[in-house]
């Protein structure tokens, strides 16, 4: 539960940080799809919850969207290893 709280806090924090005008919203709903079939826990779960953070901020360039869940790198900066962290806001083992 702590990891989920940390992830949501980081997603919302970034949404607010990069949204000068407009809105930021958090939506929570039962997920009907959106994960790869064959996931042992999700395939057998009675229900799966999806969290969506939506904002009108600067967005993520299309050519960077596939890398969102890869090890963290800033779009215009060095890999996280140079500055610490894992990408979800979790401290690295050395922090």
N, C-alpha and C. Protein backbone atom coordinates (compact mmCIF):
# COMPACT_ATOMS: atom_id res chain seq x y z
N UNK A 1 0.81 -1.18 0.00
CA UNK A 1 0.00 0.00 0.00
C UNK A 1 0.87 1.26 0.00
N UNK A 2 1.99 1.21 0.71
CA UNK A 2 2.90 2.37 0.75
C UNK A 2 3.41 2.71 -0.64
N UNK A 3 3.75 1.69 -1.45
CA UNK A 3 4.25 1.93 -2.81
C UNK A 3 3.18 2.59 -3.66
N UNK A 4 1.94 2.10 -3.54
CA UNK A 4 0.85 2.69 -4.30
C UNK A 4 0.66 4.16 -3.91
N UNK A 5 0.69 4.45 -2.63
CA UNK A 5 0.58 5.84 -2.18
C UNK A 5 1.71 6.69 -2.74
N UNK A 6 2.91 6.13 -2.74
CA UNK A 6 4.07 6.88 -3.23
C UNK A 6 3.95 7.14 -4.74
N UNK A 7 3.51 6.14 -5.48
CA UNK A 7 3.35 6.30 -6.92
C UNK A 7 2.30 7.36 -7.23
N UNK A 8 1.14 7.28 -6.56
CA UNK A 8 0.09 8.27 -6.80
C UNK A 8 0.53 9.66 -6.39
N UNK A 9 1.23 9.76 -5.28
CA UNK A 9 1.74 11.06 -4.83
C UNK A 9 2.68 11.65 -5.88
N UNK A 10 3.58 10.83 -6.43
CA UNK A 10 4.54 11.31 -7.42
C UNK A 10 3.85 11.70 -8.73
N UNK A 11 2.91 10.87 -9.18
CA UNK A 11 2.19 11.20 -10.41
C UNK A 11 1.41 12.51 -10.25
N UNK A 12 0.72 12.67 -9.12
CA UNK A 12 -0.04 13.90 -8.89
C UNK A 12 0.88 15.09 -8.72
N UNK A 13 1.98 14.90 -8.00
CA UNK A 13 2.93 16.00 -7.80
C UNK A 13 3.47 16.49 -9.14
N UNK A 14 3.86 15.57 -10.02
CA UNK A 14 4.36 15.96 -11.34
C UNK A 14 3.27 16.62 -12.17
N UNK A 15 2.04 16.10 -12.07
CA UNK A 15 0.94 16.70 -12.82
C UNK A 15 0.72 18.15 -12.39
N UNK A 16 0.74 18.39 -11.08
CA UNK A 16 0.56 19.77 -10.60
C UNK A 16 1.76 20.64 -10.97
N UNK A 17 2.94 20.07 -10.87
CA UNK A 17 4.16 20.84 -11.15
C UNK A 17 4.20 21.33 -12.59
N UNK A 18 3.73 20.52 -13.53
CA UNK A 18 3.83 20.86 -14.94
C UNK A 18 2.52 21.33 -15.56
N UNK A 19 1.54 21.66 -14.72
CA UNK A 19 0.26 22.18 -15.21
C UNK A 19 0.07 23.58 -14.66
N UNK A 20 0.42 24.57 -15.47
CA UNK A 20 0.28 25.96 -15.04
C UNK A 20 -1.16 26.43 -15.14
N UNK A 21 -1.89 25.93 -16.16
CA UNK A 21 -3.29 26.29 -16.36
C UNK A 21 -4.07 25.03 -16.64
N UNK A 22 -5.36 25.08 -16.37
CA UNK A 22 -6.20 23.93 -16.68
C UNK A 22 -6.53 23.14 -15.44
N UNK A 23 -6.39 21.82 -15.53
CA UNK A 23 -6.81 21.00 -14.41
C UNK A 23 -5.96 19.74 -14.28
N UNK A 24 -6.05 19.16 -13.09
CA UNK A 24 -5.45 17.87 -12.77
C UNK A 24 -6.55 17.05 -12.13
N UNK A 25 -6.71 15.81 -12.56
CA UNK A 25 -7.73 14.96 -11.94
C UNK A 25 -7.17 13.56 -11.72
N UNK A 26 -7.71 12.92 -10.69
CA UNK A 26 -7.39 11.53 -10.37
C UNK A 26 -8.67 10.74 -10.53
N UNK A 27 -8.64 9.71 -11.36
CA UNK A 27 -9.80 8.86 -11.55
C UNK A 27 -9.46 7.46 -11.07
N UNK A 28 -10.39 6.84 -10.35
CA UNK A 28 -10.23 5.48 -9.86
C UNK A 28 -11.44 4.70 -10.33
N UNK A 29 -11.20 3.58 -11.01
CA UNK A 29 -12.30 2.78 -11.54
C UNK A 29 -11.85 1.32 -11.67
N UNK A 30 -12.82 0.45 -11.83
CA UNK A 30 -12.50 -0.94 -12.09
C UNK A 30 -11.91 -1.05 -13.48
N UNK A 31 -10.77 -1.72 -13.60
CA UNK A 31 -10.12 -1.89 -14.90
C UNK A 31 -10.76 -3.05 -15.64
N UNK A 32 -11.10 -2.80 -16.87
CA UNK A 32 -11.67 -3.84 -17.73
C UNK A 32 -10.59 -4.42 -18.64
N UNK A 33 -9.55 -3.63 -18.89
CA UNK A 33 -8.45 -4.04 -19.76
C UNK A 33 -7.26 -3.15 -19.44
N UNK A 34 -6.18 -3.32 -20.20
CA UNK A 34 -5.05 -2.44 -20.03
C UNK A 34 -3.80 -3.12 -19.52
N UNK A 35 -3.86 -4.41 -19.31
CA UNK A 35 -2.67 -5.14 -18.91
C UNK A 35 -2.47 -6.30 -19.86
N UNK A 36 -1.28 -6.82 -19.87
CA UNK A 36 -0.96 -7.93 -20.77
C UNK A 36 -1.52 -9.23 -20.21
N UNK A 37 -2.25 -9.95 -21.05
CA UNK A 37 -2.76 -11.25 -20.62
C UNK A 37 -1.60 -12.15 -20.22
N UNK A 38 -1.84 -13.00 -19.25
CA UNK A 38 -0.79 -13.89 -18.79
C UNK A 38 -0.16 -13.43 -17.48
N UNK A 39 -0.64 -12.32 -16.93
CA UNK A 39 -0.13 -11.86 -15.64
C UNK A 39 -0.80 -12.72 -14.56
N UNK A 40 -0.04 -13.51 -13.80
CA UNK A 40 -0.63 -14.49 -12.88
C UNK A 40 -1.59 -13.90 -11.85
N UNK A 41 -1.27 -12.76 -11.26
CA UNK A 41 -2.16 -12.19 -10.26
C UNK A 41 -3.37 -11.49 -10.89
N UNK A 42 -3.14 -10.75 -11.95
CA UNK A 42 -4.25 -10.00 -12.55
C UNK A 42 -5.24 -10.92 -13.26
N UNK A 43 -4.74 -11.99 -13.88
CA UNK A 43 -5.63 -12.90 -14.60
C UNK A 43 -6.59 -13.63 -13.66
N UNK A 44 -6.20 -13.82 -12.42
CA UNK A 44 -7.05 -14.56 -11.47
C UNK A 44 -7.76 -13.65 -10.48
N UNK A 45 -7.53 -12.36 -10.54
CA UNK A 45 -8.16 -11.43 -9.59
C UNK A 45 -9.65 -11.29 -9.86
N UNK A 46 -10.39 -11.16 -8.79
CA UNK A 46 -11.83 -10.93 -8.91
C UNK A 46 -12.11 -9.57 -9.54
N UNK A 47 -11.31 -8.59 -9.17
CA UNK A 47 -11.44 -7.24 -9.73
C UNK A 47 -10.06 -6.58 -9.73
N UNK A 48 -9.84 -5.69 -10.68
CA UNK A 48 -8.60 -4.94 -10.79
C UNK A 48 -8.96 -3.46 -10.82
N UNK A 49 -8.24 -2.67 -10.04
CA UNK A 49 -8.52 -1.24 -9.95
C UNK A 49 -7.50 -0.49 -10.80
N UNK A 50 -7.98 0.48 -11.55
CA UNK A 50 -7.11 1.33 -12.38
C UNK A 50 -7.13 2.75 -11.83
N UNK A 51 -5.95 3.34 -11.74
CA UNK A 51 -5.79 4.73 -11.32
C UNK A 51 -5.31 5.52 -12.53
N UNK A 52 -5.95 6.65 -12.79
CA UNK A 52 -5.55 7.51 -13.90
C UNK A 52 -5.35 8.92 -13.40
N UNK A 53 -4.18 9.48 -13.69
CA UNK A 53 -3.93 10.89 -13.40
C UNK A 53 -3.96 11.60 -14.75
N UNK A 54 -4.84 12.57 -14.87
CA UNK A 54 -5.03 13.29 -16.13
C UNK A 54 -4.80 14.77 -15.86
N UNK A 55 -4.02 15.40 -16.74
CA UNK A 55 -3.77 16.83 -16.55
C UNK A 55 -3.70 17.53 -17.90
N UNK A 56 -3.72 18.84 -17.85
CA UNK A 56 -3.63 19.64 -19.07
C UNK A 56 -2.26 20.29 -19.18
N UNK A 57 -1.27 19.67 -18.54
CA UNK A 57 0.09 20.19 -18.55
C UNK A 57 0.80 19.97 -19.87
N UNK A 58 2.12 20.04 -19.83
CA UNK A 58 2.93 19.99 -21.05
C UNK A 58 2.88 18.65 -21.75
N UNK A 59 2.55 17.59 -21.03
CA UNK A 59 2.43 16.28 -21.65
C UNK A 59 3.77 15.59 -21.85
N UNK A 60 3.70 14.41 -22.40
CA UNK A 60 4.87 13.60 -22.69
C UNK A 60 4.93 13.42 -24.20
N UNK A 61 6.04 13.79 -24.83
CA UNK A 61 6.14 13.64 -26.29
C UNK A 61 5.87 12.19 -26.71
N UNK A 62 5.21 12.02 -27.83
CA UNK A 62 4.86 10.69 -28.33
C UNK A 62 6.06 9.76 -28.40
N UNK A 63 7.22 10.29 -28.78
CA UNK A 63 8.40 9.42 -28.92
C UNK A 63 9.00 9.02 -27.57
N UNK A 64 8.50 9.55 -26.45
CA UNK A 64 8.98 9.20 -25.11
C UNK A 64 7.98 8.34 -24.34
N UNK A 65 6.76 8.19 -24.84
CA UNK A 65 5.70 7.52 -24.09
C UNK A 65 5.99 6.05 -23.82
N UNK A 66 6.63 5.35 -24.74
CA UNK A 66 6.93 3.93 -24.53
C UNK A 66 7.94 3.71 -23.43
N UNK A 67 8.73 4.71 -23.12
CA UNK A 67 9.79 4.54 -22.13
C UNK A 67 9.36 4.89 -20.70
N UNK A 68 8.10 5.23 -20.51
CA UNK A 68 7.65 5.68 -19.19
C UNK A 68 7.91 4.64 -18.10
N UNK A 69 7.71 3.38 -18.39
CA UNK A 69 7.86 2.35 -17.35
C UNK A 69 9.21 1.66 -17.40
N UNK A 70 10.11 2.18 -18.18
CA UNK A 70 11.49 1.69 -18.19
C UNK A 70 12.24 2.34 -17.04
N UNK A 71 13.46 1.88 -16.74
CA UNK A 71 14.24 2.57 -15.70
C UNK A 71 14.30 4.06 -16.01
N UNK A 72 14.20 4.85 -14.97
CA UNK A 72 14.00 6.29 -15.09
C UNK A 72 15.12 7.01 -15.82
N UNK A 73 14.71 7.88 -16.74
CA UNK A 73 15.60 8.84 -17.37
C UNK A 73 14.79 10.11 -17.54
N UNK A 74 15.41 11.24 -17.33
CA UNK A 74 14.72 12.49 -17.62
C UNK A 74 14.74 12.69 -19.12
N UNK A 75 13.65 13.25 -19.65
CA UNK A 75 13.54 13.43 -21.09
C UNK A 75 14.69 14.26 -21.65
N UNK A 76 15.17 15.22 -20.87
CA UNK A 76 16.22 16.11 -21.38
C UNK A 76 17.47 16.06 -20.50
N UNK A 77 17.64 14.98 -19.73
CA UNK A 77 18.78 14.95 -18.82
C UNK A 77 19.42 13.59 -18.74
N UNK A 78 20.31 13.43 -17.76
CA UNK A 78 21.05 12.18 -17.60
C UNK A 78 20.18 11.08 -17.02
N UNK A 79 20.60 9.80 -17.14
CA UNK A 79 19.87 8.72 -16.50
C UNK A 79 19.83 8.92 -14.99
N UNK A 80 18.84 8.32 -14.35
CA UNK A 80 18.67 8.48 -12.91
C UNK A 80 19.89 8.01 -12.13
N UNK A 81 20.63 7.07 -12.66
CA UNK A 81 21.81 6.59 -11.94
C UNK A 81 22.76 7.74 -11.63
N UNK A 82 22.77 8.73 -12.49
CA UNK A 82 23.66 9.87 -12.26
C UNK A 82 23.13 10.79 -11.17
N UNK A 83 21.80 10.78 -10.96
CA UNK A 83 21.22 11.67 -9.97
C UNK A 83 20.51 10.94 -8.84
N UNK A 84 20.40 9.61 -8.93
CA UNK A 84 19.76 8.80 -7.89
C UNK A 84 18.28 8.62 -8.15
N UNK A 85 17.76 7.47 -7.74
CA UNK A 85 16.34 7.20 -7.88
C UNK A 85 16.05 6.14 -8.90
N UNK A 86 14.78 5.70 -8.91
CA UNK A 86 14.37 4.60 -9.78
C UNK A 86 13.37 5.00 -10.84
N UNK A 87 12.79 6.17 -10.75
CA UNK A 87 11.83 6.62 -11.74
C UNK A 87 10.43 6.74 -11.21
N UNK A 88 10.08 5.97 -10.19
CA UNK A 88 8.77 6.08 -9.58
C UNK A 88 8.85 6.91 -8.31
N UNK A 89 9.97 7.55 -8.10
CA UNK A 89 10.12 8.34 -6.90
C UNK A 89 10.63 7.53 -5.73
N UNK A 90 10.96 6.26 -5.98
CA UNK A 90 11.51 5.45 -4.92
C UNK A 90 13.00 5.71 -4.84
N UNK A 91 13.54 5.81 -3.65
CA UNK A 91 14.98 6.00 -3.55
C UNK A 91 15.70 4.76 -4.06
N UNK A 92 16.84 4.96 -4.63
CA UNK A 92 17.63 3.81 -5.06
C UNK A 92 18.23 3.15 -3.84
N UNK A 93 18.76 1.94 -3.99
CA UNK A 93 19.30 1.18 -2.87
C UNK A 93 20.42 1.93 -2.16
N UNK A 94 21.11 2.78 -2.90
CA UNK A 94 22.24 3.49 -2.29
C UNK A 94 21.82 4.77 -1.58
N UNK A 95 20.54 5.20 -1.74
CA UNK A 95 20.07 6.45 -1.10
C UNK A 95 19.75 6.21 0.36
